[in-house]
Amino acid sequence: MKKVLVSLIIVLLFAGAVFYFGWVQFEVPVGSYGVMLSKTSGLHPDPIVAGKFLWRWERLLPTNTQLRIFSLDPITVTDTFSSTLPSAQLYSTRLEGEPDFSYSVTVSSTAKVREEALLELVVKNNLQDQAALEKLVRDHLHQFNIAATSYLLEQTQHDTTGLKSQTITTQELVENTPVAQENPWLEITSSEVSDVRVPDASLYLAAKNAYLNSIVEGTGGQEITESNHFSALVNLGEILTKYPALSEYMISGDVAAILELLSNSKATLGTTAAEASHQEAAEASPAAENLVER
């Protein structure tokens, strides 16, 4: 009787141990998600969440499985960008007082990883822990803030009322930024634009038009035409064809070497042209003498 009781206890202990080591979700904290990878079965097809019973035999084999725990709580990134509008320094010289066309924008965006995209994201980016996941989200949010600022500045350049920065919405920014469209795993829940300081759009456009008109009229520099561009490109093509070494210097950005090679090329061209002229004259002389004799 005692032997039977002892055997029963041993069996119960063994069964309890098997159950304990195969029980997965108890290791996942409430509010977090687990991603299980095993050497025998690979990636478990569903995220593991607390409160949802899951027992896996792969856990019984030592060192066979790896359980990575992640929190999908929202992450906020705030960036402040300041600079000047394109060609602002050139345009401002065309107006009295040379107005300031600098800007400063603060964008604060919040996002989280979609639950259904967690498994693919972990495998694709080989995310080992929560720190790696947060870094990935922060990097993408920073790129989103940059794109959102560019979009806002583009819109304000055509907005003479100055109200665009106050009425822009998160949905509009998400729909018009490539970062959000190209990364569907990232759910951007909010994006706020604050501390906006942008120049007067109508004044900037007036300065831009004044500068462009001065170029066309020849008061601000040499007139630019399509024929000039085309001729320049043709000449450049001919030079690069005759002197391939120029291509390497242009790629390297060695201006001194380019100028020296061009100088040598001009001298060579001049010598070659002179020699060709002398040769043509020499060939023409006998022909002229023959005509006289005839």
Protein backbone atom coordinates (compact mmCIF):
# COMPACT_ATOMS: atom_id res chain seq x y z
CA MET A 1 0.00 0.00 0.00
CA LYS A 2 2.82 2.35 0.89
CA LYS A 3 4.60 1.56 -2.36
CA VAL A 4 1.48 2.42 -4.31
CA LEU A 5 1.08 5.68 -2.43
CA VAL A 6 4.73 6.62 -2.99
CA SER A 7 4.45 5.76 -6.68
CA LEU A 8 1.31 7.86 -6.96
CA ILE A 9 3.04 10.82 -5.31
CA ILE A 10 6.02 10.50 -7.66
CA VAL A 11 3.70 10.37 -10.66
CA LEU A 12 1.83 13.44 -9.43
CA LEU A 13 5.07 15.33 -8.85
CA PHE A 14 6.36 14.41 -12.28
CA ALA A 15 3.05 15.43 -13.88
CA GLY A 16 3.14 18.71 -11.98
CA ALA A 17 6.68 19.37 -13.14
CA VAL A 18 5.75 18.61 -16.74
CA PHE A 19 2.73 20.87 -16.48
CA TYR A 20 4.74 23.65 -14.85
CA PHE A 21 7.58 23.69 -17.34
CA GLY A 22 5.22 23.47 -20.31
CA TRP A 23 2.96 26.23 -19.05
CA VAL A 24 3.99 29.30 -21.00
CA GLN A 25 1.83 32.31 -20.27
CA PHE A 26 2.62 32.52 -16.57
CA GLU A 27 5.99 34.07 -17.53
CA VAL A 28 4.31 36.92 -19.43
CA PRO A 29 3.38 39.94 -17.27
CA VAL A 30 -0.09 41.42 -17.53
CA GLY A 31 -0.25 43.92 -20.38
CA SER A 32 2.76 42.45 -22.17
CA TYR A 33 3.14 40.04 -25.07
CA GLY A 34 5.43 37.06 -25.48
CA VAL A 35 7.02 35.80 -28.66
CA MET A 36 8.15 32.18 -28.45
CA LEU A 37 10.77 30.71 -30.74
CA SER A 38 11.94 27.11 -30.50
CA LYS A 39 14.64 25.07 -32.20
CA THR A 40 12.19 22.28 -32.93
CA SER A 41 9.11 24.20 -34.13
CA GLY A 42 10.36 27.69 -34.97
CA LEU A 43 8.11 30.69 -34.34
CA HIS A 44 4.90 30.14 -32.38
CA PRO A 45 2.13 31.51 -34.63
CA ASP A 46 0.42 33.71 -32.01
CA PRO A 47 1.57 36.23 -29.42
CA ILE A 48 1.45 34.86 -25.89
CA VAL A 49 -0.61 36.96 -23.47
CA ALA A 50 -1.20 36.71 -19.74
CA GLY A 51 -4.49 35.12 -18.70
CA LYS A 52 -4.78 32.98 -21.84
CA PHE A 53 -3.80 29.39 -21.06
CA LEU A 54 -1.08 27.92 -23.24
CA TRP A 55 0.91 24.73 -22.74
CA ARG A 56 3.67 23.79 -25.16
CA TRP A 57 5.68 20.58 -25.15
CA GLU A 58 8.67 22.39 -26.69
CA ARG A 59 9.26 24.00 -23.30
CA LEU A 60 10.09 20.61 -21.77
CA LEU A 61 13.35 20.38 -23.70
CA PRO A 62 16.18 22.34 -22.05
CA THR A 63 17.49 25.31 -24.10
CA ASN A 64 14.97 24.50 -26.84
CA THR A 65 12.81 27.60 -26.53
CA GLN A 66 13.29 31.32 -26.18
CA LEU A 67 10.53 33.57 -24.86
CA ARG A 68 10.91 37.28 -25.66
CA ILE A 69 8.70 39.65 -23.69
CA PHE A 70 7.51 42.96 -25.18
CA SER A 71 5.28 45.80 -24.05
CA LEU A 72 3.21 47.55 -26.69
CA ASP A 73 2.57 50.68 -24.65
CA PRO A 74 2.53 53.92 -26.70
CA ILE A 75 5.82 55.77 -27.13
CA THR A 76 6.10 59.55 -27.59
CA VAL A 77 8.88 61.37 -29.45
CA THR A 78 9.18 65.16 -29.51
CA ASP A 79 11.42 66.98 -32.00
CA THR A 80 12.09 70.65 -32.64
CA PHE A 81 13.27 71.67 -36.11
CA SER A 82 14.61 75.10 -37.02
CA SER A 83 16.19 76.39 -40.22
CA THR A 84 15.33 78.69 -43.14
CA LEU A 85 13.06 78.24 -46.13
CA PRO A 86 14.68 77.21 -49.45
CA SER A 87 16.91 79.97 -50.92
CA ALA A 88 15.65 82.34 -48.21
CA GLN A 89 18.87 84.35 -48.12
CA LEU A 90 18.77 84.99 -51.87
CA TYR A 91 15.10 85.94 -51.91
CA SER A 92 15.25 88.24 -48.87
CA THR A 93 17.80 90.52 -50.58
CA ARG A 94 15.10 91.53 -53.06
CA LEU A 95 12.93 93.14 -50.39
CA GLU A 96 13.55 96.19 -48.26
CA GLY A 97 14.88 95.32 -44.85
CA GLU A 98 15.81 91.77 -45.93
CA PRO A 99 13.04 89.98 -43.97
CA ASP A 100 13.78 86.87 -41.95
CA PHE A 101 12.52 83.67 -43.57
CA SER A 102 13.59 81.28 -40.82
CA TYR A 103 11.22 78.84 -39.14
CA SER A 104 10.94 76.76 -35.98
CA VAL A 105 8.47 73.90 -35.48
CA THR A 106 7.99 71.43 -32.62
CA VAL A 107 6.30 68.13 -33.44
CA SER A 108 5.28 65.63 -30.77
CA SER A 109 4.06 62.26 -32.05
CA THR A 110 2.84 59.16 -30.23
CA ALA A 111 2.71 55.66 -31.70
CA LYS A 112 2.65 51.98 -30.80
CA VAL A 113 3.23 48.65 -32.50
CA ARG A 114 0.09 46.92 -33.72
CA GLU A 115 -0.46 43.63 -31.91
CA GLU A 116 -1.07 41.67 -35.11
CA ALA A 117 2.24 42.86 -36.55
CA LEU A 118 4.41 42.03 -33.53
CA LEU A 119 5.54 38.54 -34.57
CA GLU A 120 6.62 39.54 -38.08
CA LEU A 121 8.32 42.66 -36.75
CA VAL A 122 10.33 40.70 -34.16
CA VAL A 123 11.52 38.14 -36.71
CA LYS A 124 12.21 40.62 -39.51
CA ASN A 125 14.26 42.95 -37.31
CA ASN A 126 15.62 40.26 -34.96
CA LEU A 127 14.37 42.14 -31.93
CA GLN A 128 15.79 40.59 -28.78
CA ASP A 129 14.21 42.69 -26.06
CA GLN A 130 12.05 45.69 -25.16
CA ALA A 131 14.93 48.17 -25.62
CA ALA A 132 15.39 47.09 -29.24
CA LEU A 133 11.66 47.45 -29.93
CA GLU A 134 11.51 50.93 -28.40
CA LYS A 135 14.55 52.07 -30.39
CA LEU A 136 12.90 50.91 -33.62
CA VAL A 137 9.70 52.79 -32.80
CA ARG A 138 11.57 55.96 -31.77
CA ASP A 139 13.66 55.97 -34.93
CA HIS A 140 10.55 55.73 -37.12
CA LEU A 141 8.73 58.38 -35.09
CA HIS A 142 11.68 60.73 -35.54
CA GLN A 143 11.54 60.20 -39.30
CA PHE A 144 7.79 60.78 -39.18
CA ASN A 145 8.29 64.09 -37.35
CA ILE A 146 10.77 65.21 -40.02
CA ALA A 147 8.32 64.33 -42.81
CA ALA A 148 5.45 66.00 -40.95
CA THR A 149 7.47 69.21 -40.60
CA SER A 150 8.33 69.20 -44.31
CA TYR A 151 4.68 68.73 -45.20
CA LEU A 152 3.61 71.53 -42.85
CA LEU A 153 6.17 73.97 -44.31
CA GLU A 154 5.10 73.07 -47.83
CA GLN A 155 1.50 73.82 -46.97
CA THR A 156 2.23 77.07 -45.16
CA GLN A 157 4.15 78.42 -48.17
CA HIS A 158 0.86 78.43 -50.07
CA ASP A 159 -1.26 79.58 -47.13
CA THR A 160 -1.53 83.34 -46.92
CA THR A 161 -3.91 83.18 -43.94
CA GLY A 162 -1.34 81.66 -41.57
CA LEU A 163 -3.97 79.28 -40.16
CA LYS A 164 -2.73 76.02 -41.68
CA SER A 165 -0.42 75.20 -38.78
CA GLN A 166 -3.36 75.57 -36.38
CA THR A 167 -5.82 73.41 -38.30
CA ILE A 168 -3.61 70.54 -39.44
CA THR A 169 -4.72 67.16 -38.04
CA THR A 170 -3.02 63.88 -37.16
CA GLN A 171 -4.96 62.09 -39.89
CA GLU A 172 -3.77 64.58 -42.51
CA LEU A 173 -0.15 64.16 -41.44
CA VAL A 174 -0.42 60.35 -41.46
CA GLU A 175 -1.98 60.32 -44.92
CA ASN A 176 0.67 62.62 -46.39
CA THR A 177 3.89 61.23 -44.92
CA PRO A 178 5.67 58.23 -46.47
CA VAL A 179 6.91 56.93 -43.11
CA ALA A 180 3.38 56.21 -41.94
CA GLN A 181 2.30 54.71 -45.27
CA GLU A 182 5.35 52.48 -45.67
CA ASN A 183 5.25 51.08 -42.12
CA PRO A 184 1.72 49.77 -41.45
CA TRP A 185 2.95 48.01 -38.28
CA LEU A 186 3.30 51.44 -36.68
CA GLU A 187 0.03 52.89 -35.41
CA ILE A 188 0.42 56.65 -34.99
CA THR A 189 -2.24 57.63 -32.49
CA SER A 190 -1.50 61.36 -32.27
CA SER A 191 0.73 64.05 -33.70
CA GLU A 192 0.69 67.59 -32.35
CA VAL A 193 2.36 70.63 -33.87
CA SER A 194 3.27 73.35 -31.37
CA ASP A 195 5.56 76.37 -30.96
CA VAL A 196 5.19 77.10 -34.66
CA ARG A 197 7.15 80.05 -35.99
CA VAL A 198 6.96 80.29 -39.76
CA PRO A 199 7.63 83.33 -41.99
CA ASP A 200 4.92 85.26 -43.80
CA ALA A 201 4.04 83.10 -46.81
CA SER A 202 2.88 86.00 -48.99
CA LEU A 203 6.07 87.95 -48.24
CA TYR A 204 8.21 84.90 -49.06
CA LEU A 205 6.40 84.35 -52.37
CA ALA A 206 6.77 88.05 -53.23
CA ALA A 207 10.51 87.88 -52.56
CA LYS A 208 10.80 84.70 -54.60
CA ASN A 209 8.95 86.22 -57.56
CA ALA A 210 11.03 89.39 -57.37
CA TYR A 211 14.23 87.37 -57.47
CA LEU A 212 13.09 85.21 -60.38
CA ASN A 213 11.92 88.28 -62.33
CA SER A 214 15.27 89.95 -61.80
CA ILE A 215 17.00 86.93 -63.31
CA VAL A 216 14.71 86.84 -66.34
CA GLU A 217 15.15 90.59 -66.91
CA GLY A 218 18.90 90.30 -66.57
CA THR A 219 19.20 92.55 -63.50
CA GLY A 220 20.12 89.80 -61.14
CA GLY A 221 22.50 87.82 -63.31
CA GLN A 222 22.78 86.22 -66.71
CA GLU A 223 19.46 85.26 -68.29
CA ILE A 224 18.80 81.57 -68.13
CA THR A 225 17.15 79.89 -71.09
CA GLU A 226 16.53 76.31 -72.13
CA SER A 227 18.91 76.69 -75.05
CA ASN A 228 21.71 77.74 -72.70
CA HIS A 229 21.13 74.66 -70.57
CA PHE A 230 21.03 72.40 -73.61
CA SER A 231 24.21 73.89 -75.08
CA ALA A 232 26.00 73.54 -71.76
CA LEU A 233 25.01 69.89 -71.49
CA VAL A 234 26.15 69.20 -75.07
CA ASN A 235 29.50 70.87 -74.43
CA LEU A 236 29.95 68.96 -71.19
CA GLY A 237 29.16 65.69 -72.95
CA GLU A 238 31.73 66.37 -75.66
CA ILE A 239 34.42 67.24 -73.10
CA LEU A 240 33.76 64.09 -71.04
CA THR A 241 33.84 61.98 -74.21
CA LYS A 242 37.21 63.38 -75.28
CA TYR A 243 38.67 63.43 -71.78
CA PRO A 244 37.25 60.52 -69.69
CA ALA A 245 39.60 61.35 -66.81
CA LEU A 246 37.39 64.35 -66.04
CA SER A 247 34.62 62.02 -64.89
CA GLU A 248 36.78 60.66 -62.05
CA TYR A 249 37.80 64.16 -60.94
CA MET A 250 34.15 65.33 -61.00
CA ILE A 251 33.09 62.40 -58.83
CA SER A 252 35.93 63.06 -56.36
CA GLY A 253 35.11 66.80 -56.25
CA ASP A 254 38.78 67.77 -56.82
CA VAL A 255 38.17 71.23 -58.30
CA ALA A 256 41.87 72.09 -58.60
CA ALA A 257 42.55 68.93 -60.58
CA ILE A 258 39.57 69.64 -62.87
CA LEU A 259 40.78 73.18 -63.59
CA GLU A 260 44.33 71.97 -64.24
CA LEU A 261 43.12 69.25 -66.59
CA LEU A 262 40.85 71.69 -68.41
CA SER A 263 43.76 74.11 -68.78
CA ASN A 264 45.96 71.37 -70.20
CA SER A 265 43.12 70.25 -72.45
CA LYS A 266 42.71 73.77 -73.86
CA ALA A 267 46.45 73.99 -74.53
CA THR A 268 46.37 70.59 -76.22
CA LEU A 269 43.36 71.61 -78.25
CA GLY A 270 45.11 74.82 -79.32
CA THR A 271 48.26 72.96 -80.36
CA THR A 272 46.25 70.32 -82.17
CA ALA A 273 44.21 72.95 -83.98
CA ALA A 274 47.36 74.82 -85.04
CA GLU A 275 48.98 71.64 -86.31
CA ALA A 276 45.83 70.73 -88.22
CA SER A 277 45.78 74.20 -89.77
CA HIS A 278 49.40 73.92 -90.89
CA GLN A 279 48.77 70.48 -92.31
CA GLU A 280 45.74 71.66 -94.28
CA ALA A 281 47.77 74.59 -95.63
CA ALA A 282 50.58 72.24 -96.67
CA GLU A 283 48.15 69.97 -98.42
CA ALA A 284 46.44 72.90 -100.12
CA SER A 285 49.70 74.39 -101.53
CA PRO A 286 50.53 71.52 -103.99
CA ALA A 287 46.93 71.48 -105.11
CA ALA A 288 47.08 75.20 -105.86
CA GLU A 289 50.36 74.83 -107.74
CA ASN A 290 48.87 72.06 -109.85
CA LEU A 291 45.94 74.31 -110.74
CA VAL A 292 48.34 77.08 -111.78
CA GLU A 293 50.43 74.71 -113.91
CA ARG A 294 47.31 73.42 -115.64
